[in-house]
């Protein structure tokens, strides 16, 4: 199911993000930090790839540009 190459690229990109956030630390309170604290790294990698795919799909369907979420001020 789905495009094999695209799926592979999403996993590779997500694994790079997870690896860097494991080394450098994810932003405090972020979704990624919370997931890494309680789930295995490979599961988090696949979940992040899925999240990215859903964002891309929504952007394509709505024909919009990506708006980065605004960081909450502490």
Protein backbone atom coordinates (compact mmCIF):
# COMPACT_ATOMS: atom_id res chain seq x y z
CA UNK A 1 0.00 0.00 0.00
CA UNK A 2 1.29 3.40 -0.90
CA UNK A 3 4.40 4.56 -2.67
CA UNK A 4 7.39 2.56 -1.37
CA UNK A 5 10.00 5.24 -2.18
CA UNK A 6 8.00 8.02 -0.57
CA UNK A 7 7.40 5.92 2.53
CA UNK A 8 11.12 5.12 2.75
CA UNK A 9 12.07 8.81 2.43
CA UNK A 10 9.63 9.78 5.18
CA UNK A 11 11.13 7.14 7.50
CA UNK A 12 14.71 8.23 6.69
CA UNK A 13 13.88 11.88 7.37
CA UNK A 14 12.03 11.06 10.56
CA UNK A 15 14.86 8.86 11.82
CA UNK A 16 17.28 11.76 11.28
CA UNK A 17 15.04 14.05 13.34
CA UNK A 18 14.66 11.46 16.11
CA UNK A 19 18.40 10.77 16.15
CA UNK A 20 19.28 14.47 16.42
CA UNK A 21 16.70 15.10 19.12
CA UNK A 22 18.02 12.10 21.06
CA UNK A 23 21.55 13.55 20.92
CA UNK A 24 20.77 17.24 21.38
CA UNK A 25 17.48 16.94 23.23
CA UNK A 26 14.04 17.72 21.90
CA UNK A 27 12.40 21.04 22.79
CA UNK A 28 10.90 20.99 26.28
CA UNK A 29 7.30 19.83 26.36
CA UNK A 30 7.23 19.00 22.65
CA UNK A 31 5.31 16.09 21.20
CA UNK A 32 8.60 14.46 20.22
CA UNK A 33 10.07 14.73 23.72
CA UNK A 34 6.96 13.20 25.28
CA UNK A 35 6.92 10.32 22.79
CA UNK A 36 10.64 9.57 23.23
CA UNK A 37 10.19 9.45 26.99
CA UNK A 38 7.63 6.64 26.87
CA UNK A 39 7.94 4.81 23.52
CA UNK A 40 10.73 2.97 21.64
CA UNK A 41 12.73 5.08 19.17
CA UNK A 42 11.64 3.14 16.08
CA UNK A 43 7.98 3.51 16.99
CA UNK A 44 8.49 7.26 17.46
CA UNK A 45 10.25 7.39 14.08
CA UNK A 46 7.29 5.77 12.32
CA UNK A 47 4.81 7.96 14.22
CA UNK A 48 6.72 11.09 13.18
CA UNK A 49 6.80 9.93 9.54
CA UNK A 50 3.03 9.39 9.72
CA UNK A 51 2.54 12.84 11.23
CA UNK A 52 4.62 14.45 8.48
CA UNK A 53 2.69 12.53 5.81
CA UNK A 54 -0.64 13.74 7.24
CA UNK A 55 0.61 17.35 7.28
CA UNK A 56 1.79 17.09 3.66
CA UNK A 57 -1.51 15.52 2.60
CA UNK A 58 -3.52 18.30 4.26
CA UNK A 59 -1.36 20.96 2.61
CA UNK A 60 -1.80 19.38 -0.81
CA UNK A 61 -5.56 18.97 -0.46
CA UNK A 62 -6.12 22.51 0.86
CA UNK A 63 -3.48 24.00 -1.50
CA UNK A 64 -1.98 26.06 1.32
CA UNK A 65 1.50 26.91 2.52
CA UNK A 66 2.82 25.48 5.76
CA UNK A 67 2.48 27.73 8.79
CA UNK A 68 4.83 26.73 11.57
CA UNK A 69 3.09 26.52 14.96
CA UNK A 70 3.65 29.54 17.18
CA UNK A 71 5.78 28.74 20.23
CA UNK A 72 4.05 29.40 23.53
CA UNK A 73 5.70 32.04 25.69
CA UNK A 74 6.62 30.86 29.17
